[in-house]
Structure formats: C-alpha cells, structure tokens
Amino acid sequence: MATIDECRAALDRLSDNLAQADGSVRGAAALDRSLSCHITDLDQTFTGRLDGGRIRVDTVSPGPPATKAEIRLAMTGDDLVAMVAGELKFAKAWASGRVRLEAGFRDLLRLKSLL
C-alpha cells in the first residue's frame, strides 16, 4: 500500500508533467479549478487547485473531502502512484471503476485530452 508521502510525491510529479506538457494537454491543464484527490485506502484527501498548468496542494486532511471541489478524484494510493508512473492507464482504471472523476461537463471535455 502506498504511503501518504508517496501519494504526495506522485501528485508533485504529475504537476511537473503537466507543467512541461505542450499542445492540447497544456491547454487542458491550463484550467483554474479547485481540486480534491481522495486516497480511499488511506482515507486522506489532498485539496488544492489546478492553476496555470500545475497542481498546487494546499492541505491534506483525514476523511473524504470536506467541501465539493470543482474537479474531484478518488482512488487508492497504489493506483495514483501507478498512473503517474505510467504503469496504469487512466482510461482503463476509470472504466473499471478503480478511479472516480467528477467534474462539470465542460471541464470533463477539456480534461479528456489529459486522459
């Protein structure tokens, strides 16, 4: 099972990857939205913002998200680490229910190029 530090490092690595992206991926990552990522097996939630093509984590708190972010993710820590490492494809994990993504319809359309 991935630790909270490994999950934080994976989110930092994802942020770095988004910041270095180009083309349609960079455009999709350029949203300014509140973001939460609930790590279900650790029952911890990272909250922050997707802003300027980067993920900024502001807090880590126990339990599910206290407030409803504009973009909401939920998955196990192992799945987060595997996706960022390229060992698990987001589309496959999402289709099988291993990853949950909730956002407004327009945001989902923009985010699809990230997936």
Protein backbone atom coordinates (compact mmCIF):
# COMPACT_ATOMS: atom_id res chain seq x y z
CA MET A 1 0.00 0.00 0.00
CA ALA A 2 1.35 3.42 -0.98
CA THR A 3 2.08 5.84 1.84
CA ILE A 4 0.80 9.40 2.11
CA ASP A 5 4.32 10.64 1.26
CA GLU A 6 4.38 8.50 -1.90
CA CYS A 7 0.97 9.89 -2.90
CA ARG A 8 2.18 13.45 -2.33
CA ALA A 9 5.28 12.75 -4.42
CA ALA A 10 3.09 11.30 -7.19
CA LEU A 11 0.92 14.45 -7.22
CA ASP A 12 4.06 16.61 -7.34
CA ARG A 13 5.39 14.52 -10.26
CA LEU A 14 2.03 14.83 -12.04
CA SER A 15 2.15 18.59 -11.55
CA ASP A 16 5.65 18.70 -13.05
CA ASN A 17 4.50 16.58 -16.01
CA LEU A 18 1.55 18.91 -16.66
CA ALA A 19 3.78 21.99 -16.47
CA GLN A 20 6.11 20.52 -19.11
CA ALA A 21 3.32 19.41 -21.45
CA ASP A 22 2.58 21.08 -24.74
CA GLY A 23 -0.25 21.23 -27.27
CA SER A 24 -3.74 20.12 -26.27
CA VAL A 25 -2.53 18.66 -22.96
CA ARG A 26 -1.15 22.02 -21.89
CA GLY A 27 -4.39 23.71 -22.92
CA ALA A 28 -6.47 21.27 -20.88
CA ALA A 29 -4.21 21.65 -17.86
CA ALA A 30 -4.50 25.45 -18.02
CA LEU A 31 -7.80 25.38 -16.16
CA ASP A 32 -8.15 27.30 -12.90
CA ARG A 33 -10.24 24.98 -10.75
CA SER A 34 -10.41 23.73 -7.18
CA LEU A 35 -9.25 20.13 -6.94
CA SER A 36 -9.55 17.27 -4.48
CA CYS A 37 -8.00 13.83 -4.59
CA HIS A 38 -9.34 11.37 -2.02
CA ILE A 39 -6.98 8.45 -1.40
CA THR A 40 -9.55 5.85 -0.43
CA ASP A 41 -7.33 3.21 1.18
CA LEU A 42 -5.60 5.80 3.38
CA ASP A 43 -8.81 7.81 3.89
CA GLN A 44 -6.91 11.05 3.27
CA THR A 45 -7.82 13.90 0.93
CA PHE A 46 -5.43 16.24 -0.85
CA THR A 47 -7.10 19.55 -1.67
CA GLY A 48 -5.81 22.47 -3.67
CA ARG A 49 -6.03 23.95 -7.17
CA LEU A 50 -5.26 23.15 -10.75
CA ASP A 51 -3.88 26.52 -11.79
CA GLY A 52 -1.67 27.61 -14.66
CA GLY A 53 -0.93 24.05 -15.70
CA ARG A 54 0.19 22.97 -12.23
CA ILE A 55 -1.40 21.16 -9.31
CA ARG A 56 -1.00 23.07 -6.05
CA VAL A 57 -1.75 21.02 -2.94
CA ASP A 58 -2.84 23.26 -0.07
CA THR A 59 -3.95 20.74 2.55
CA VAL A 60 -4.07 17.06 3.38
CA SER A 61 -6.85 16.06 5.74
CA PRO A 62 -8.37 12.83 7.03
CA GLY A 63 -11.57 11.51 5.53
CA PRO A 64 -13.42 12.38 2.35
CA PRO A 65 -13.33 15.97 1.05
CA ALA A 66 -14.93 18.43 3.45
CA THR A 67 -16.09 20.66 0.59
CA LYS A 68 -17.02 19.92 -3.00
CA ALA A 69 -14.13 20.83 -5.32
CA GLU A 70 -14.78 21.63 -8.98
CA ILE A 71 -12.65 18.62 -10.01
CA ARG A 72 -12.87 15.58 -7.74
CA LEU A 73 -10.78 12.42 -7.94
CA ALA A 74 -10.93 9.30 -5.78
CA MET A 75 -8.66 6.25 -5.99
CA THR A 76 -6.29 4.10 -3.96
CA GLY A 77 -2.78 5.31 -3.30
CA ASP A 78 -1.33 2.43 -5.31
CA ASP A 79 -3.46 3.39 -8.32
CA LEU A 80 -2.35 7.04 -8.10
CA VAL A 81 1.32 6.06 -7.95
CA ALA A 82 0.90 3.54 -10.80
CA MET A 83 -0.90 6.05 -13.05
CA VAL A 84 1.71 8.75 -12.58
CA ALA A 85 4.47 6.20 -13.21
CA GLY A 86 2.76 5.17 -16.46
CA GLU A 87 2.04 1.63 -15.25
CA LEU A 88 -1.75 2.11 -15.19
CA LYS A 89 -3.72 3.92 -17.87
CA PHE A 90 -6.29 6.37 -16.55
CA ALA A 91 -8.95 5.37 -19.09
CA LYS A 92 -8.72 1.71 -18.13
CA ALA A 93 -8.79 2.48 -14.40
CA TRP A 94 -11.72 4.86 -14.83
CA ALA A 95 -13.70 2.41 -17.00
CA SER A 96 -13.21 -0.36 -14.44
CA GLY A 97 -14.26 1.86 -11.52
CA ARG A 98 -10.84 1.93 -9.88
CA VAL A 99 -10.70 5.70 -10.33
CA ARG A 100 -13.57 8.14 -9.94
CA LEU A 101 -13.50 11.53 -11.64
CA GLU A 102 -16.26 14.07 -11.12
CA ALA A 103 -16.34 17.49 -12.72
CA GLY A 104 -18.63 19.75 -14.69
CA PHE A 105 -19.39 18.70 -18.27
CA ARG A 106 -17.21 21.40 -19.86
CA ASP A 107 -14.31 20.54 -17.58
CA LEU A 108 -14.66 16.85 -18.43
CA LEU A 109 -14.45 17.70 -22.12
CA ARG A 110 -11.28 19.72 -21.59
CA LEU A 111 -9.75 17.13 -19.28
CA LYS A 112 -10.28 14.26 -21.71
CA SER A 113 -7.05 15.16 -23.52
CA LEU A 114 -5.20 14.55 -20.24
CA LEU A 115 -6.62 11.09 -20.01
